[in-house]
Amino acid sequence: MTTVTTDIGAAATPTVPPEGGPIIRMESVEKWYGNFQVLADINLSVRPGERIVICGPSGSGKSTLIRCINRLEPVQKGRIVVDGIDLTAGKRNVDAVRAEVGMVFQQFNLFPHLTILQNCTLAPMRTRGLSKQEAQAVAMKYLTRVRIPEQAGKYPSQLSGGQQQRVAIARALCMTPKIMLFDEPTSALDPEMVKEVLDTMIGLAEDGMTMLCVTHEMGFARSVADRVIFMADGRIVEQAPPEQFFGQPQHEMTRKFLGQILSSHQHHAPA
């Protein structure tokens, strides 16, 4: 693996993973907010190209878990290694990991005063050192990838919620990440816009992108995930391939959660 440099020119020191080893490794990770423990004894390994869906009730720690992978949330205990770089070993390593990890949130977080094209070129020009022309070429490649190149000259307020979320995905891809994190990317969307975003994510999965996705879209989990993880009370309760997770869940909490969410989706499924 090549040494990663940050935008201040300091080299991060990678701990090169063994060939075929995990691209993400979380070991005995614990996190508190004050006296409230939000993550407890998290141990998780993710292989390159693996697609993982994380589900669970509100407050179970699932969003916090993926936010720890690029250090948007610091942890109090344990070790996190991403692409051979130890996140718990200083700011240089944090910067290096963030350059390799794209993230898409519930809210689109687009700059309202910039065009769609400018939203996508800003970070590559600032942190990757691309020229304006190079950055625009990359941006148009990924706006085409998410099927909205014709929106490049518009502003976020002129786009639907589904289109804005696809722009957010394209913007993350413009940094050529090795890993994509999705934190409930469809939960703020109207039902008729959910499919267009999920279709974009399915395309990424088919391209072999390493993906961790917090979502309640169980159809997406069934069809795309290599592994489904169920969390409750800050712990990983159960994890299994989708056919086993949905067909033969082992834990009573998992069975109860699936019963509730599948029932809810049947009642609210778009026509």
Protein backbone atom coordinates (compact mmCIF):
# COMPACT_ATOMS: atom_id res chain seq x y z
CA MET A 1 0.00 0.00 0.00
CA THR A 2 1.22 3.48 -0.73
CA THR A 3 1.93 5.96 2.04
CA VAL A 4 -0.91 8.45 2.35
CA THR A 5 -0.08 12.12 2.73
CA THR A 6 -2.34 14.71 4.26
CA ASP A 7 -2.98 18.18 2.90
CA ILE A 8 -0.38 19.61 5.26
CA GLY A 9 2.24 17.38 3.74
CA ALA A 10 2.81 15.12 6.74
CA ALA A 11 2.86 11.42 6.00
CA ALA A 12 0.56 9.13 7.92
CA THR A 13 2.19 5.90 8.99
CA PRO A 14 0.17 2.96 7.73
CA THR A 15 0.15 -0.37 9.48
CA VAL A 16 -0.02 -2.39 6.29
CA PRO A 17 -2.79 -4.97 6.56
CA PRO A 18 -1.98 -8.54 5.56
CA GLU A 19 -2.90 -9.42 1.98
CA GLY A 20 -6.59 -10.17 1.92
CA GLY A 21 -7.03 -8.68 5.39
CA PRO A 22 -9.81 -6.32 6.49
CA ILE A 23 -9.98 -2.73 5.21
CA ILE A 24 -11.74 -1.70 8.45
CA ARG A 25 -11.02 -3.16 11.86
CA MET A 26 -12.67 -2.07 15.10
CA GLU A 27 -11.32 -3.71 18.24
CA SER A 28 -13.04 -3.43 21.65
CA VAL A 29 -14.35 0.05 20.79
CA GLU A 30 -16.28 1.88 23.52
CA LYS A 31 -17.76 5.37 23.51
CA TRP A 32 -19.60 7.49 26.06
CA TYR A 33 -21.53 10.74 25.98
CA GLY A 34 -20.92 11.88 29.53
CA ASN A 35 -22.13 8.99 31.69
CA PHE A 36 -24.15 7.40 28.89
CA GLN A 37 -22.38 4.57 27.07
CA VAL A 38 -23.38 4.71 23.40
CA LEU A 39 -21.01 1.99 22.10
CA ALA A 40 -19.98 -1.06 24.11
CA ASP A 41 -17.33 -3.62 23.14
CA ILE A 42 -17.64 -3.17 19.37
CA ASN A 43 -15.57 -5.67 17.40
CA LEU A 44 -16.00 -5.51 13.65
CA SER A 45 -13.93 -6.40 10.59
CA VAL A 46 -14.89 -5.37 7.05
CA ARG A 47 -13.30 -6.89 3.95
CA PRO A 48 -12.50 -4.78 0.86
CA GLY A 49 -15.57 -4.68 -1.35
CA GLU A 50 -17.91 -5.91 1.39
CA ARG A 51 -21.37 -4.35 1.63
CA ILE A 52 -22.67 -4.10 5.17
CA VAL A 53 -26.07 -2.85 6.29
CA ILE A 54 -26.45 -1.81 9.94
CA CYS A 55 -29.94 -1.65 11.41
CA GLY A 56 -31.50 -1.33 14.82
CA PRO A 57 -33.89 0.79 16.86
CA SER A 58 -33.33 4.53 17.42
CA GLY A 59 -30.58 5.16 19.94
CA SER A 60 -28.90 1.80 19.35
CA GLY A 61 -25.56 3.41 18.37
CA LYS A 62 -25.57 2.51 14.67
CA SER A 63 -24.99 6.04 13.33
CA THR A 64 -22.37 6.68 16.01
CA LEU A 65 -20.55 3.50 14.97
CA ILE A 66 -20.07 4.55 11.36
CA ARG A 67 -19.21 8.13 12.37
CA CYS A 68 -16.34 6.69 14.42
CA ILE A 69 -14.84 5.14 11.27
CA ASN A 70 -13.76 8.55 9.98
CA ARG A 71 -13.39 10.06 13.45
CA LEU A 72 -16.39 12.38 13.21
CA GLU A 73 -16.91 10.87 16.66
CA PRO A 74 -13.87 10.14 18.86
CA VAL A 75 -13.85 6.98 20.96
CA GLN A 76 -12.73 6.64 24.56
CA LYS A 77 -11.50 3.07 24.34
CA GLY A 78 -10.40 0.54 21.75
CA ARG A 79 -8.70 0.70 18.37
CA ILE A 80 -9.90 1.52 14.86
CA VAL A 81 -7.71 0.74 11.83
CA VAL A 82 -8.86 1.84 8.36
CA ASP A 83 -6.93 0.75 5.26
CA GLY A 84 -3.93 -0.01 7.46
CA ILE A 85 -3.98 3.40 9.19
CA ASP A 86 -4.55 3.50 12.96
CA LEU A 87 -7.17 6.18 13.63
CA THR A 88 -6.35 6.24 17.30
CA ALA A 89 -2.76 7.35 16.65
CA GLY A 90 -3.00 11.09 16.02
CA LYS A 91 -4.44 13.77 13.76
CA ARG A 92 -2.21 13.03 10.76
CA ASN A 93 -3.75 9.59 10.54
CA VAL A 94 -7.27 10.99 10.95
CA ASP A 95 -6.71 13.33 7.99
CA ALA A 96 -5.31 10.47 5.91
CA VAL A 97 -8.32 8.23 6.64
CA ARG A 98 -10.81 10.99 5.88
CA ALA A 99 -9.24 11.34 2.44
CA GLU A 100 -10.08 7.67 1.79
CA VAL A 101 -13.60 7.57 3.26
CA GLY A 102 -16.66 9.20 1.70
CA MET A 103 -19.76 9.87 3.78
CA VAL A 104 -23.37 10.62 2.90
CA PHE A 105 -25.72 11.85 5.63
CA GLN A 106 -29.50 12.05 6.13
CA GLN A 107 -29.36 15.74 5.27
CA PHE A 108 -27.69 16.56 1.98
CA ASN A 109 -25.30 19.21 3.38
CA LEU A 110 -24.82 20.86 -0.01
CA PHE A 111 -23.60 24.46 -0.13
CA PRO A 112 -26.71 26.42 -1.19
CA HIS A 113 -24.75 29.31 -2.73
CA LEU A 114 -22.69 27.04 -5.01
CA THR A 115 -23.86 25.30 -8.17
CA ILE A 116 -24.02 21.51 -8.26
CA LEU A 117 -20.77 21.42 -10.23
CA GLN A 118 -19.04 23.75 -7.73
CA ASN A 119 -20.26 21.61 -4.81
CA CYS A 120 -18.54 18.64 -6.42
CA THR A 121 -15.27 20.35 -7.39
CA LEU A 122 -14.55 22.22 -4.13
CA ALA A 123 -12.96 19.42 -2.10
CA PRO A 124 -10.92 17.80 -4.92
CA MET A 125 -9.37 21.18 -5.75
CA ARG A 126 -8.62 22.03 -2.11
CA THR A 127 -7.47 18.69 -0.75
CA ARG A 128 -6.41 16.65 -3.79
CA GLY A 129 -4.76 19.57 -5.59
CA LEU A 130 -6.71 19.11 -8.82
CA SER A 131 -6.91 21.99 -11.27
CA LYS A 132 -10.36 23.46 -11.93
CA GLN A 133 -10.48 21.71 -15.30
CA GLU A 134 -9.45 18.35 -13.82
CA ALA A 135 -11.94 18.68 -10.96
CA GLN A 136 -14.77 19.56 -13.35
CA ALA A 137 -14.00 16.51 -15.48
CA VAL A 138 -14.11 14.26 -12.40
CA ALA A 139 -17.32 15.94 -11.20
CA MET A 140 -19.08 15.46 -14.53
CA LYS A 141 -17.98 11.81 -14.56
CA TYR A 142 -19.69 11.17 -11.23
CA LEU A 143 -22.72 13.38 -11.90
CA THR A 144 -23.19 11.23 -15.01
CA ARG A 145 -22.65 8.14 -12.84
CA VAL A 146 -25.60 9.17 -10.63
CA ARG A 147 -27.61 10.13 -13.72
CA ILE A 148 -27.94 13.90 -13.25
CA PRO A 149 -25.22 15.55 -15.41
CA GLU A 150 -27.80 17.98 -16.80
CA GLN A 151 -28.21 19.52 -13.32
CA ALA A 152 -24.56 20.66 -13.07
CA GLY A 153 -25.30 24.36 -13.55
CA LYS A 154 -28.23 24.50 -11.14
CA TYR A 155 -28.30 25.33 -7.43
CA PRO A 156 -29.36 22.83 -4.72
CA SER A 157 -32.68 24.63 -4.09
CA GLN A 158 -33.67 23.93 -7.71
CA LEU A 159 -33.39 20.14 -7.25
CA SER A 160 -35.68 17.60 -5.61
CA GLY A 161 -34.59 15.88 -2.41
CA GLY A 162 -33.72 12.70 -4.29
CA GLN A 163 -31.61 14.64 -6.77
CA GLN A 164 -29.83 16.50 -3.97
CA GLN A 165 -28.98 13.23 -2.25
CA ARG A 166 -27.59 11.85 -5.52
CA VAL A 167 -25.45 15.00 -5.79
CA ALA A 168 -24.21 14.32 -2.26
CA ILE A 169 -23.20 10.81 -3.34
CA ALA A 170 -21.47 12.17 -6.47
CA ARG A 171 -19.66 14.78 -4.35
CA ALA A 172 -18.31 12.06 -2.05
CA LEU A 173 -17.23 9.95 -5.06
CA CYS A 174 -15.28 12.90 -6.50
CA MET A 175 -12.73 12.33 -3.74
CA THR A 176 -12.22 8.77 -5.10
CA PRO A 177 -12.77 7.11 -1.71
CA LYS A 178 -12.02 3.47 -1.02
CA ILE A 179 -14.92 3.26 1.45
CA MET A 180 -18.39 4.83 1.45
CA LEU A 181 -20.41 5.36 4.62
CA PHE A 182 -24.14 6.06 4.40
CA ASP A 183 -26.03 7.32 7.45
CA GLU A 184 -29.75 6.78 6.77
CA PRO A 185 -29.44 8.37 3.32
CA THR A 186 -33.14 7.94 2.45
CA SER A 187 -34.80 8.78 5.77
CA ALA A 188 -35.28 12.50 4.95
CA LEU A 189 -36.75 11.77 1.50
CA ASP A 190 -40.33 11.53 0.33
CA PRO A 191 -41.24 7.88 -0.44
CA GLU A 192 -41.29 8.40 -4.21
CA MET A 193 -37.67 9.64 -4.11
CA VAL A 194 -36.25 6.74 -2.13
CA LYS A 195 -35.88 4.35 -5.08
CA GLU A 196 -33.71 6.69 -7.16
CA VAL A 197 -31.19 7.00 -4.31
CA LEU A 198 -31.24 3.27 -3.53
CA ASP A 199 -30.71 2.49 -7.23
CA THR A 200 -27.63 4.73 -7.20
CA MET A 201 -26.30 2.89 -4.13
CA ILE A 202 -27.01 -0.49 -5.72
CA GLY A 203 -24.92 0.61 -8.72
CA LEU A 204 -22.02 1.48 -6.40
CA ALA A 205 -22.29 -1.90 -4.71
CA GLU A 206 -22.20 -3.66 -8.08
CA ASP A 207 -19.00 -1.74 -8.87
CA GLY A 208 -17.35 -3.32 -5.82
CA MET A 209 -17.28 -0.31 -3.48
CA THR A 210 -16.75 -1.10 0.22
CA MET A 211 -19.95 0.19 1.81
CA LEU A 212 -21.37 0.51 5.30
CA CYS A 213 -24.95 1.70 5.32
CA VAL A 214 -27.20 2.53 8.26
CA THR A 215 -30.73 2.14 6.93
CA HIS A 216 -34.20 0.77 7.61
CA GLU A 217 -34.62 -0.14 3.94
CA MET A 218 -34.78 -3.90 4.44
CA GLY A 219 -35.37 -4.61 0.74
CA PHE A 220 -32.02 -2.95 0.03
CA ALA A 221 -30.40 -5.01 2.80
CA ARG A 222 -31.81 -8.27 1.40
CA SER A 223 -30.70 -7.63 -2.17
CA VAL A 224 -27.38 -5.80 -1.73
CA ALA A 225 -25.79 -6.59 1.64
CA ASP A 226 -23.17 -9.28 2.13
CA ARG A 227 -23.83 -9.00 5.86
CA VAL A 228 -26.56 -7.43 7.97
CA ILE A 229 -25.70 -6.21 11.48
CA PHE A 230 -28.35 -5.63 14.14
CA MET A 231 -27.49 -3.27 16.99
CA ALA A 232 -29.28 -2.53 20.24
CA ASP A 233 -28.18 -0.61 23.34
CA GLY A 234 -24.80 0.23 21.82
CA ARG A 235 -23.87 -3.38 21.09
CA ILE A 236 -23.72 -5.61 18.04
CA VAL A 237 -26.40 -8.16 18.90
CA GLU A 238 -26.39 -10.23 15.74
CA GLN A 239 -24.73 -10.30 12.32
CA ALA A 240 -25.29 -12.69 9.44
CA PRO A 241 -25.68 -12.92 5.66
CA PRO A 242 -29.11 -11.57 4.65
CA GLU A 243 -30.70 -14.93 3.88
CA GLN A 244 -29.87 -16.13 7.42
CA PHE A 245 -30.54 -12.75 9.07
CA PHE A 246 -34.05 -12.47 7.62
CA GLY A 247 -34.85 -16.18 7.42
CA GLN A 248 -33.49 -17.46 10.72
CA PRO A 249 -32.64 -14.61 13.10
CA GLN A 250 -31.04 -16.04 16.22
CA HIS A 251 -31.75 -13.40 18.84
CA GLU A 252 -35.16 -12.51 20.27
CA MET A 253 -34.40 -8.76 19.98
CA THR A 254 -33.62 -9.19 16.28
CA ARG A 255 -36.85 -11.10 15.67
CA LYS A 256 -38.89 -8.43 17.46
CA PHE A 257 -37.21 -5.60 15.53
CA LEU A 258 -37.70 -7.30 12.16
CA GLY A 259 -41.34 -8.01 12.96
CA GLN A 260 -41.94 -4.35 13.75
CA ILE A 261 -40.08 -2.87 10.82
CA LEU A 262 -41.34 -5.29 8.17
CA SER A 263 -44.91 -4.76 9.39
CA SER A 264 -44.42 -0.98 9.27
CA HIS A 265 -43.01 -1.10 5.74
CA GLN A 266 -45.93 -3.18 4.50
CA HIS A 267 -48.32 -0.53 5.76
CA HIS A 268 -46.36 2.39 4.30
CA ALA A 269 -45.03 0.91 1.07
CA PRO A 270 -45.40 3.32 -1.87
CA ALA A 271 -47.90 2.21 -4.49
